[in-house]
Amino acid sequence: MKPINPSSLKKAIEQRIALLTPQTQQLPPLGSRPVTVAGRVSGWVGARPAQHIAMLDGVALDEEVLRIDACASQHLSLNQVLEQIAHRLDQGGFVRSWRGELLEVIGEGRTLGAIERGAMRTLGFLTQAVHVNGWSSDGRIWAAKRAASKSSDPNMWDTLVGGLAVANESLDRSLLRESYEEAGLEESMLVAREPMRMVVRMHKRLPEGYQVENALVSDCVLPDGVVPRNMDGEVSEFRLLDMDEWWAMIEAEQFTLEAQLVMLDSVARRLNQS
């Protein structure tokens, strides 16, 4: 394979991003209604799951919108209403995978409550994905292979670290937690990381609903001699790739869509700084 030069790689990255963008900016599934939580627009829900939860306390459904609020008459807080919604959706088969993990419900820039992670896509709620692009001192980039047991994108390649921020945890703390769980990286190994930045807000139709997700990333040069090791069973392999190897895997569609965008952004920034 002929080595790719930086100028050609810059142009190829621009073209790749343009190719991928339509996959990340899709309208909600046909027949979806907006969801408001405590009066703020927060998500999108399909007709079938909306009907399935319509009779719950704190839920109101009409032709235009699904409204979720605390239910004073039944002494239910907003989080209790959200908990009942998640369980009802799970019982109806609308939750792809119950995770036992709470994520923040965000509407119009405000954190309103928290709900089971498995219900987020069904309701089209915004999620926050935090990533680390790990570099070596000689300019190679780390990649992690998702385990075959993953419910989404099994055996696909990913950023060195990637996971969703959970409720009652800052984005920075979520990033540090995921860094240890997925790659065995202690906070002391990430002292050189850059401030987190948002690469893209993804809007993607999924079989279980609608993915609305901020993809955030911090770039970091790992200390020489540090080798990632998975702690939670969600990664089966790590590779340190030079740019030719990485680009060949990008072209072969071996990375997840989100990982491609996050890594493309990182590589492009490095090329522009060189």
C-alpha atoms as a PDB file:
ATOM      1  CA  MET A   1       0.000   0.000   0.000  1.00  0.00           C
ATOM      2  CA  LYS A   2       1.365   3.407  -0.957  1.00  0.00           C
ATOM      3  CA  PRO A   3       1.724   5.700   2.097  1.00  0.00           C
ATOM      4  CA  ILE A   4      -0.812   8.537   2.149  1.00  0.00           C
ATOM      5  CA  ASN A   5       0.719  12.017   2.365  1.00  0.00           C
ATOM      6  CA  PRO A   6      -0.684  14.678   4.750  1.00  0.00           C
ATOM      7  CA  SER A   7      -2.130  16.835   1.969  1.00  0.00           C
ATOM      8  CA  SER A   8      -3.988  13.914   0.431  1.00  0.00           C
ATOM      9  CA  LEU A   9      -5.156  12.779   3.854  1.00  0.00           C
ATOM     10  CA  LYS A  10      -6.615  16.216   4.649  1.00  0.00           C
ATOM     11  CA  LYS A  11      -8.672  16.173   1.472  1.00  0.00           C
ATOM     12  CA  ALA A  12      -9.718  12.567   2.020  1.00  0.00           C
ATOM     13  CA  ILE A  13     -10.902  13.398   5.551  1.00  0.00           C
ATOM     14  CA  GLU A  14     -12.995  16.314   4.291  1.00  0.00           C
ATOM     15  CA  GLN A  15     -14.610  14.056   1.717  1.00  0.00           C
ATOM     16  CA  ARG A  16     -15.219  11.335   4.267  1.00  0.00           C
ATOM     17  CA  ILE A  17     -16.916  13.721   6.699  1.00  0.00           C
ATOM     18  CA  ALA A  18     -19.150  15.009   3.894  1.00  0.00           C
ATOM     19  CA  LEU A  19     -20.061  11.419   3.043  1.00  0.00           C
ATOM     20  CA  LEU A  20     -20.921  10.528   6.644  1.00  0.00           C
ATOM     21  CA  THR A  21     -22.829  13.681   7.581  1.00  0.00           C
ATOM     22  CA  PRO A  22     -26.210  12.629   6.096  1.00  0.00           C
ATOM     23  CA  GLN A  23     -26.104   9.521   8.293  1.00  0.00           C
ATOM     24  CA  THR A  24     -25.795  11.697  11.394  1.00  0.00           C
ATOM     25  CA  GLN A  25     -28.447  14.295  10.595  1.00  0.00           C
ATOM     26  CA  GLN A  26     -31.631  12.313  10.065  1.00  0.00           C
ATOM     27  CA  LEU A  27     -35.128  13.524  10.864  1.00  0.00           C
ATOM     28  CA  PRO A  28     -37.123  11.658  13.541  1.00  0.00           C
ATOM     29  CA  PRO A  29     -38.866   8.460  12.418  1.00  0.00           C
ATOM     30  CA  LEU A  30     -42.133   8.955  10.571  1.00  0.00           C
ATOM     31  CA  GLY A  31     -45.092   9.220  12.918  1.00  0.00           C
ATOM     32  CA  SER A  32     -43.016  10.425  15.866  1.00  0.00           C
ATOM     33  CA  ARG A  33     -44.290  13.049  18.273  1.00  0.00           C
ATOM     34  CA  PRO A  34     -42.192  15.491  20.260  1.00  0.00           C
ATOM     35  CA  VAL A  35     -41.870  14.706  23.961  1.00  0.00           C
ATOM     36  CA  THR A  36     -41.962  17.444  26.576  1.00  0.00           C
ATOM     37  CA  VAL A  37     -40.697  16.894  30.093  1.00  0.00           C
ATOM     38  CA  ALA A  38     -41.759  19.428  32.711  1.00  0.00           C
ATOM     39  CA  GLY A  39     -42.915  21.633  29.833  1.00  0.00           C
ATOM     40  CA  ARG A  40     -39.621  21.560  27.927  1.00  0.00           C
ATOM     41  CA  VAL A  41     -39.057  19.884  24.569  1.00  0.00           C
ATOM     42  CA  SER A  42     -36.824  16.908  25.342  1.00  0.00           C
ATOM     43  CA  GLY A  43     -37.245  14.129  22.790  1.00  0.00           C
ATOM     44  CA  TRP A  44     -39.237  12.234  20.161  1.00  0.00           C
ATOM     45  CA  VAL A  45     -41.356   9.110  20.530  1.00  0.00           C
ATOM     46  CA  GLY A  46     -43.005   6.759  18.052  1.00  0.00           C
ATOM     47  CA  ALA A  47     -46.748   6.090  17.986  1.00  0.00           C
ATOM     48  CA  ARG A  48     -46.637   2.567  19.477  1.00  0.00           C
ATOM     49  CA  PRO A  49     -44.500   3.292  22.557  1.00  0.00           C
ATOM     50  CA  ALA A  50     -46.421   6.553  23.091  1.00  0.00           C
ATOM     51  CA  GLN A  51     -49.714   4.674  23.182  1.00  0.00           C
ATOM     52  CA  HIS A  52     -48.206   2.068  25.503  1.00  0.00           C
ATOM     53  CA  ILE A  53     -47.441   4.641  28.227  1.00  0.00           C
ATOM     54  CA  ALA A  54     -50.309   7.055  27.554  1.00  0.00           C
ATOM     55  CA  MET A  55     -52.417   5.925  30.539  1.00  0.00           C
ATOM     56  CA  LEU A  56     -49.664   6.241  33.143  1.00  0.00           C
ATOM     57  CA  ASP A  57     -49.936   8.892  35.845  1.00  0.00           C
ATOM     58  CA  GLY A  58     -47.980  11.969  34.798  1.00  0.00           C
ATOM     59  CA  VAL A  59     -48.282  11.205  31.069  1.00  0.00           C
ATOM     60  CA  ALA A  60     -50.588  13.018  28.641  1.00  0.00           C
ATOM     61  CA  LEU A  61     -50.827  12.159  24.949  1.00  0.00           C
ATOM     62  CA  ASP A  62     -52.562  14.097  22.203  1.00  0.00           C
ATOM     63  CA  GLU A  63     -52.206  14.273  18.422  1.00  0.00           C
ATOM     64  CA  GLU A  64     -49.257  16.641  18.560  1.00  0.00           C
ATOM     65  CA  VAL A  65     -47.169  15.829  21.635  1.00  0.00           C
ATOM     66  CA  LEU A  66     -46.465  13.457  24.527  1.00  0.00           C
ATOM     67  CA  ARG A  67     -46.226  15.349  27.798  1.00  0.00           C
ATOM     68  CA  ILE A  68     -44.442  14.032  30.880  1.00  0.00           C
ATOM     69  CA  ASP A  69     -44.771  15.804  34.235  1.00  0.00           C
ATOM     70  CA  ALA A  70     -44.739  15.149  37.942  1.00  0.00           C
ATOM     71  CA  CYS A  71     -48.132  13.907  39.165  1.00  0.00           C
ATOM     72  CA  ALA A  72     -49.139  15.796  42.309  1.00  0.00           C
ATOM     73  CA  SER A  73     -52.479  13.997  42.654  1.00  0.00           C
ATOM     74  CA  GLN A  74     -50.651  10.666  43.072  1.00  0.00           C
ATOM     75  CA  HIS A  75     -47.713  12.217  44.972  1.00  0.00           C
ATOM     76  CA  LEU A  76     -45.294  11.179  42.218  1.00  0.00           C
ATOM     77  CA  SER A  77     -42.167  13.199  41.557  1.00  0.00           C
ATOM     78  CA  LEU A  78     -40.977  13.639  37.997  1.00  0.00           C
ATOM     79  CA  ASN A  79     -38.273  11.008  38.493  1.00  0.00           C
ATOM     80  CA  GLN A  80     -40.856   8.547  39.819  1.00  0.00           C
ATOM     81  CA  VAL A  81     -42.989   9.142  36.733  1.00  0.00           C
ATOM     82  CA  LEU A  82     -39.930   8.607  34.522  1.00  0.00           C
ATOM     83  CA  GLU A  83     -39.138   5.385  36.385  1.00  0.00           C
ATOM     84  CA  GLN A  84     -42.652   4.047  35.792  1.00  0.00           C
ATOM     85  CA  ILE A  85     -42.409   4.985  32.100  1.00  0.00           C
ATOM     86  CA  ALA A  86     -39.139   3.079  31.708  1.00  0.00           C
ATOM     87  CA  HIS A  87     -40.558  -0.054  33.323  1.00  0.00           C
ATOM     88  CA  ARG A  88     -43.721   0.062  31.219  1.00  0.00           C
ATOM     89  CA  LEU A  89     -41.684   0.471  28.038  1.00  0.00           C
ATOM     90  CA  ASP A  90     -39.509  -2.463  29.061  1.00  0.00           C
ATOM     91  CA  GLN A  91     -42.543  -4.639  29.758  1.00  0.00           C
ATOM     92  CA  GLY A  92     -43.908  -3.759  26.328  1.00  0.00           C
ATOM     93  CA  GLY A  93     -40.709  -4.790  24.556  1.00  0.00           C
ATOM     94  CA  PHE A  94     -39.714  -1.247  23.612  1.00  0.00           C
ATOM     95  CA  VAL A  95     -36.410  -1.254  25.534  1.00  0.00           C
ATOM     96  CA  ARG A  96     -33.587  -2.890  23.638  1.00  0.00           C
ATOM     97  CA  SER A  97     -31.461  -3.600  26.691  1.00  0.00           C
ATOM     98  CA  TRP A  98     -32.144  -2.760  30.334  1.00  0.00           C
ATOM     99  CA  ARG A  99     -28.913  -1.428  31.818  1.00  0.00           C
ATOM    100  CA  GLY A 100     -29.777  -0.525  35.402  1.00  0.00           C
ATOM    101  CA  GLU A 101     -28.098   2.834  34.888  1.00  0.00           C
ATOM    102  CA  LEU A 102     -29.656   6.294  35.069  1.00  0.00           C
ATOM    103  CA  LEU A 103     -28.958   8.989  32.469  1.00  0.00           C
ATOM    104  CA  GLU A 104     -29.959  12.622  32.692  1.00  0.00           C
ATOM    105  CA  VAL A 105     -33.085  13.811  30.919  1.00  0.00           C
ATOM    106  CA  ILE A 106     -32.216  17.140  29.300  1.00  0.00           C
ATOM    107  CA  GLY A 107     -34.697  19.590  27.817  1.00  0.00           C
ATOM    108  CA  GLU A 108     -33.832  22.927  26.242  1.00  0.00           C
ATOM    109  CA  GLY A 109     -30.407  22.906  27.900  1.00  0.00           C
ATOM    110  CA  ARG A 110     -31.629  22.033  31.395  1.00  0.00           C
ATOM    111  CA  THR A 111     -31.282  18.819  33.349  1.00  0.00           C
ATOM    112  CA  LEU A 112     -34.827  17.890  34.330  1.00  0.00           C
ATOM    113  CA  GLY A 113     -34.542  14.416  35.803  1.00  0.00           C
ATOM    114  CA  ALA A 114     -33.115  10.965  35.165  1.00  0.00           C
ATOM    115  CA  ILE A 115     -34.311   7.755  33.542  1.00  0.00           C
ATOM    116  CA  GLU A 116     -33.101   4.222  32.836  1.00  0.00           C
ATOM    117  CA  ARG A 117     -30.519   4.233  30.068  1.00  0.00           C
ATOM    118  CA  GLY A 118     -32.361   1.618  28.023  1.00  0.00           C
ATOM    119  CA  ALA A 119     -35.348   3.939  27.564  1.00  0.00           C
ATOM    120  CA  MET A 120     -33.368   6.884  26.177  1.00  0.00           C
ATOM    121  CA  ARG A 121     -33.525   5.947  22.490  1.00  0.00           C
ATOM    122  CA  THR A 122     -37.190   4.938  22.672  1.00  0.00           C
ATOM    123  CA  LEU A 123     -38.030   8.429  23.897  1.00  0.00           C
ATOM    124  CA  GLY A 124     -35.465  10.184  21.710  1.00  0.00           C
ATOM    125  CA  PHE A 125     -33.811  11.847  24.707  1.00  0.00           C
ATOM    126  CA  LEU A 126     -30.436  13.557  24.343  1.00  0.00           C
ATOM    127  CA  THR A 127     -27.419  11.540  25.480  1.00  0.00           C
ATOM    128  CA  GLN A 128     -23.855  12.701  26.045  1.00  0.00           C
ATOM    129  CA  ALA A 129     -21.114  10.426  24.697  1.00  0.00           C
ATOM    130  CA  VAL A 130     -17.618  11.123  26.027  1.00  0.00           C
ATOM    131  CA  HIS A 131     -14.573   9.895  24.104  1.00  0.00           C
ATOM    132  CA  VAL A 132     -10.803   9.882  24.442  1.00  0.00           C
ATOM    133  CA  ASN A 133      -8.634   9.816  21.341  1.00  0.00           C
ATOM    134  CA  GLY A 134      -5.376   8.382  22.620  1.00  0.00           C
ATOM    135  CA  TRP A 135      -2.179   9.208  20.733  1.00  0.00           C
ATOM    136  CA  SER A 136       1.361   7.959  21.113  1.00  0.00           C
ATOM    137  CA  SER A 137       4.305  10.339  21.235  1.00  0.00           C
ATOM    138  CA  ASP A 138       5.313   9.271  17.703  1.00  0.00           C
ATOM    139  CA  GLY A 139       1.951  10.209  16.160  1.00  0.00           C
ATOM    140  CA  ARG A 140       0.053   6.912  16.135  1.00  0.00           C
ATOM    141  CA  ILE A 141      -3.540   6.596  17.352  1.00  0.00           C
ATOM    142  CA  TRP A 142      -5.073   3.959  19.621  1.00  0.00           C
ATOM    143  CA  ALA A 143      -8.232   2.074  18.620  1.00  0.00           C
ATOM    144  CA  ALA A 144     -10.379  -0.291  20.667  1.00  0.00           C
ATOM    145  CA  LYS A 145     -12.391  -3.218  19.308  1.00  0.00           C
ATOM    146  CA  ARG A 146     -15.867  -3.553  20.775  1.00  0.00           C
ATOM    147  CA  ALA A 147     -16.582  -6.926  22.344  1.00  0.00           C
ATOM    148  CA  ALA A 148     -18.751  -9.450  20.493  1.00  0.00           C
ATOM    149  CA  SER A 149     -21.202  -9.259  23.426  1.00  0.00           C
ATOM    150  CA  LYS A 150     -21.958  -5.543  22.908  1.00  0.00           C
ATOM    151  CA  SER A 151     -25.627  -4.891  22.084  1.00  0.00           C
ATOM    152  CA  SER A 152     -24.704  -2.238  19.530  1.00  0.00           C
ATOM    153  CA  ASP A 153     -21.939  -2.444  16.908  1.00  0.00           C
ATOM    154  CA  PRO A 154     -20.324  -5.669  18.204  1.00  0.00           C
ATOM    155  CA  ASN A 155     -16.809  -6.357  16.895  1.00  0.00           C
ATOM    156  CA  MET A 156     -16.576  -2.891  15.352  1.00  0.00           C
ATOM    157  CA  TRP A 157     -13.594  -0.651  16.072  1.00  0.00           C
ATOM    158  CA  ASP A 158     -13.996   2.406  18.263  1.00  0.00           C
ATOM    159  CA  THR A 159     -12.090   5.271  19.837  1.00  0.00           C
ATOM    160  CA  LEU A 160      -9.709   4.352  22.654  1.00  0.00           C
ATOM    161  CA  VAL A 161     -12.427   5.292  25.176  1.00  0.00           C
ATOM    162  CA  GLY A 162     -16.094   5.954  24.558  1.00  0.00           C
ATOM    163  CA  GLY A 163     -19.165   5.838  26.785  1.00  0.00           C
ATOM    164  CA  LEU A 164     -22.251   7.697  27.937  1.00  0.00           C
ATOM    165  CA  ALA A 165     -22.229  10.220  30.748  1.00  0.00           C
ATOM    166  CA  VAL A 166     -24.493   9.102  33.592  1.00  0.00           C
ATOM    167  CA  ALA A 167     -26.749  11.040  35.928  1.00  0.00           C
ATOM    168  CA  ASN A 168     -25.270  12.960  38.858  1.00  0.00           C
ATOM    169  CA  GLU A 169     -21.817  12.895  37.303  1.00  0.00           C
ATOM    170  CA  SER A 170     -19.984  15.672  35.484  1.00  0.00           C
ATOM    171  CA  LEU A 171     -18.875  15.070  31.916  1.00  0.00           C
ATOM    172  CA  ASP A 172     -15.266  15.171  33.090  1.00  0.00           C
ATOM    173  CA  ARG A 173     -15.886  12.604  35.812  1.00  0.00           C
ATOM    174  CA  SER A 174     -17.726  10.355  33.346  1.00  0.00           C
ATOM    175  CA  LEU A 175     -14.748  10.596  30.990  1.00  0.00           C
ATOM    176  CA  LEU A 176     -12.315   9.580  33.732  1.00  0.00           C
ATOM    177  CA  ARG A 177     -14.545   6.704  34.857  1.00  0.00           C
ATOM    178  CA  GLU A 178     -14.925   5.393  31.308  1.00  0.00           C
ATOM    179  CA  SER A 179     -11.176   5.734  30.747  1.00  0.00           C
ATOM    180  CA  TYR A 180     -10.495   3.376  33.628  1.00  0.00           C
ATOM    181  CA  GLU A 181     -13.336   0.918  32.897  1.00  0.00           C
ATOM    182  CA  GLU A 182     -12.619   0.601  29.184  1.00  0.00           C
ATOM    183  CA  ALA A 183      -8.859   1.074  28.981  1.00  0.00           C
ATOM    184  CA  GLY A 184      -7.462   0.801  32.516  1.00  0.00           C
ATOM    185  CA  LEU A 185      -6.216   4.387  32.341  1.00  0.00           C
ATOM    186  CA  GLU A 186      -5.751   6.135  35.669  1.00  0.00           C
ATOM    187  CA  GLU A 187      -6.331   9.867  35.927  1.00  0.00           C
ATOM    188  CA  SER A 188      -2.576  10.346  36.328  1.00  0.00           C
ATOM    189  CA  MET A 189      -2.073   8.882  32.840  1.00  0.00           C
ATOM    190  CA  LEU A 190      -4.372  11.501  31.298  1.00  0.00           C
ATOM    191  CA  VAL A 191      -2.757  14.649  32.634  1.00  0.00           C
ATOM    192  CA  ALA A 192      -1.848  15.794  29.127  1.00  0.00           C
ATOM    193  CA  ARG A 193      -5.403  15.585  27.785  1.00  0.00           C
ATOM    194  CA  GLU A 194      -6.971  18.528  26.013  1.00  0.00           C
ATOM    195  CA  PRO A 195     -10.223  20.173  27.137  1.00  0.00           C
ATOM    196  CA  MET A 196     -13.303  18.286  26.017  1.00  0.00           C
ATOM    197  CA  ARG A 197     -14.964  19.574  22.859  1.00  0.00           C
ATOM    198  CA  MET A 198     -18.146  18.658  21.023  1.00  0.00           C
ATOM    199  CA  VAL A 199     -17.597  17.166  17.573  1.00  0.00           C
ATOM    200  CA  VAL A 200     -21.175  16.646  16.451  1.00  0.00           C
ATOM    201  CA  ARG A 201     -24.745  16.290  17.681  1.00  0.00           C
ATOM    202  CA  MET A 202     -25.963  13.119  16.039  1.00  0.00           C
ATOM    203  CA  HIS A 203     -29.567  12.573  14.955  1.00  0.00           C
ATOM    204  CA  LYS A 204     -30.013   9.017  13.796  1.00  0.00           C
ATOM    205  CA  ARG A 205     -33.023   6.755  13.272  1.00  0.00           C
ATOM    206  CA  LEU A 206     -32.689   3.417  15.037  1.00  0.00           C
ATOM    207  CA  PRO A 207     -34.895   0.315  15.169  1.00  0.00           C
ATOM    208  CA  GLU A 208     -35.663   1.087  18.827  1.00  0.00           C
ATOM    209  CA  GLY A 209     -36.300   4.805  18.315  1.00  0.00           C
ATOM    210  CA  TYR A 210     -34.175   7.878  17.751  1.00  0.00           C
ATOM    211  CA  GLN A 211     -30.585   8.635  18.740  1.00  0.00           C
ATOM    212  CA  VAL A 212     -29.930  12.252  19.666  1.00  0.00           C
ATOM    213  CA  GLU A 213     -26.416  12.405  21.000  1.00  0.00           C
ATOM    214  CA  ASN A 214     -23.654  14.888  21.626  1.00  0.00           C
ATOM    215  CA  ALA A 215     -20.310  13.312  20.722  1.00  0.00           C
ATOM    216  CA  LEU A 216     -17.628  14.923  22.880  1.00  0.00           C
ATOM    217  CA  VAL A 217     -13.921  14.170  22.823  1.00  0.00           C
ATOM    218  CA  SER A 218     -10.684  14.911  24.600  1.00  0.00           C
ATOM    219  CA  ASP A 219      -7.386  14.225  22.837  1.00  0.00           C
ATOM    220  CA  CYS A 220      -4.516  12.868  24.885  1.00  0.00           C
ATOM    221  CA  VAL A 221      -0.945  11.742  24.282  1.00  0.00           C
ATOM    222  CA  LEU A 222      -0.436   8.705  26.492  1.00  0.00           C
ATOM    223  CA  PRO A 223       2.899   8.411  28.319  1.00  0.00           C
ATOM    224  CA  ASP A 224       5.398   6.116  26.618  1.00  0.00           C
ATOM    225  CA  GLY A 225       5.075   2.591  27.923  1.00  0.00           C
ATOM    226  CA  VAL A 226       1.387   2.886  28.834  1.00  0.00           C
ATOM    227  CA  VAL A 227      -0.632   0.098  27.205  1.00  0.00           C
ATOM    228  CA  PRO A 228      -4.442   0.143  27.523  1.00  0.00           C
ATOM    229  CA  ARG A 229      -6.130  -2.862  29.157  1.00  0.00           C
ATOM    230  CA  ASN A 230      -9.871  -3.369  29.372  1.00  0.00           C
ATOM    231  CA  MET A 231     -11.457  -3.720  32.828  1.00  0.00           C
ATOM    232  CA  ASP A 232     -15.189  -4.234  32.144  1.00  0.00           C
ATOM    233  CA  GLY A 233     -15.249  -6.834  29.374  1.00  0.00           C
ATOM    234  CA  GLU A 234     -16.568  -4.424  26.749  1.00  0.00           C
ATOM    235  CA  VAL A 235     -13.355  -4.260  24.672  1.00  0.00           C
ATOM    236  CA  SER A 236     -11.724  -7.316  23.111  1.00  0.00           C
ATOM    237  CA  GLU A 237      -8.573  -5.764  21.624  1.00  0.00           C
ATOM    238  CA  PHE A 238      -6.504  -2.585  21.395  1.00  0.00           C
ATOM    239  CA  ARG A 239      -4.349  -1.532  18.470  1.00  0.00           C
ATOM    240  CA  LEU A 240      -1.902   1.319  17.984  1.00  0.00           C
ATOM    241  CA  LEU A 241      -2.267   2.449  14.379  1.00  0.00           C
ATOM    242  CA  ASP A 242      -0.145   4.581  12.114  1.00  0.00           C
ATOM    243  CA  MET A 243      -2.070   6.868   9.778  1.00  0.00           C
ATOM    244  CA  ASP A 244      -1.945   4.486   6.821  1.00  0.00           C
ATOM    245  CA  GLU A 245      -3.323   1.596   8.879  1.00  0.00           C
ATOM    246  CA  TRP A 246      -5.979   3.818  10.449  1.00  0.00           C
ATOM    247  CA  TRP A 247      -7.112   5.221   7.110  1.00  0.00           C
ATOM    248  CA  ALA A 248      -7.319   1.768   5.546  1.00  0.00           C
ATOM    249  CA  MET A 249      -9.639   0.712   8.389  1.00  0.00           C
ATOM    250  CA  ILE A 250     -11.724   3.862   7.937  1.00  0.00           C
ATOM    251  CA  GLU A 251     -12.183   3.127   4.242  1.00  0.00           C
ATOM    252  CA  ALA A 252     -13.033  -0.499   5.038  1.00  0.00           C
ATOM    253  CA  GLU A 253     -15.871   0.683   7.347  1.00  0.00           C
ATOM    254  CA  GLN A 254     -14.329  -1.089  10.335  1.00  0.00           C
ATOM    255  CA  PHE A 255     -15.057   1.791  12.747  1.00  0.00           C
ATOM    256  CA  THR A 256     -18.453   2.741  14.143  1.00  0.00           C
ATOM    257  CA  LEU A 257     -20.030   5.833  12.635  1.00  0.00           C
ATOM    258  CA  GLU A 258     -19.489   7.889  15.772  1.00  0.00           C
ATOM    259  CA  ALA A 259     -15.892   6.734  16.168  1.00  0.00           C
ATOM    260  CA  GLN A 260     -15.155   7.697  12.581  1.00  0.00           C
ATOM    261  CA  LEU A 261     -16.402  11.246  13.119  1.00  0.00           C
ATOM    262  CA  VAL A 262     -14.585  11.682  16.420  1.00  0.00           C
ATOM    263  CA  MET A 263     -11.304  10.311  15.075  1.00  0.00           C
ATOM    264  CA  LEU A 264     -11.567  12.173  11.769  1.00  0.00           C
ATOM    265  CA  ASP A 265     -11.964  15.402  13.719  1.00  0.00           C
ATOM    266  CA  SER A 266      -8.897  14.645  15.822  1.00  0.00           C
ATOM    267  CA  VAL A 267      -6.676  13.690  12.907  1.00  0.00           C
ATOM    268  CA  ALA A 268      -7.790  16.734  10.898  1.00  0.00           C
ATOM    269  CA  ARG A 269      -6.940  19.045  13.810  1.00  0.00           C
ATOM    270  CA  ARG A 270      -3.463  17.523  14.075  1.00  0.00           C
ATOM    271  CA  LEU A 271      -2.858  17.868  10.359  1.00  0.00           C
ATOM    272  CA  ASN A 272      -3.947  21.508  10.460  1.00  0.00           C
ATOM    273  CA  GLN A 273      -1.554  22.195  13.338  1.00  0.00           C
ATOM    274  CA  SER A 274       1.417  20.574  11.643  1.00  0.00           C
END
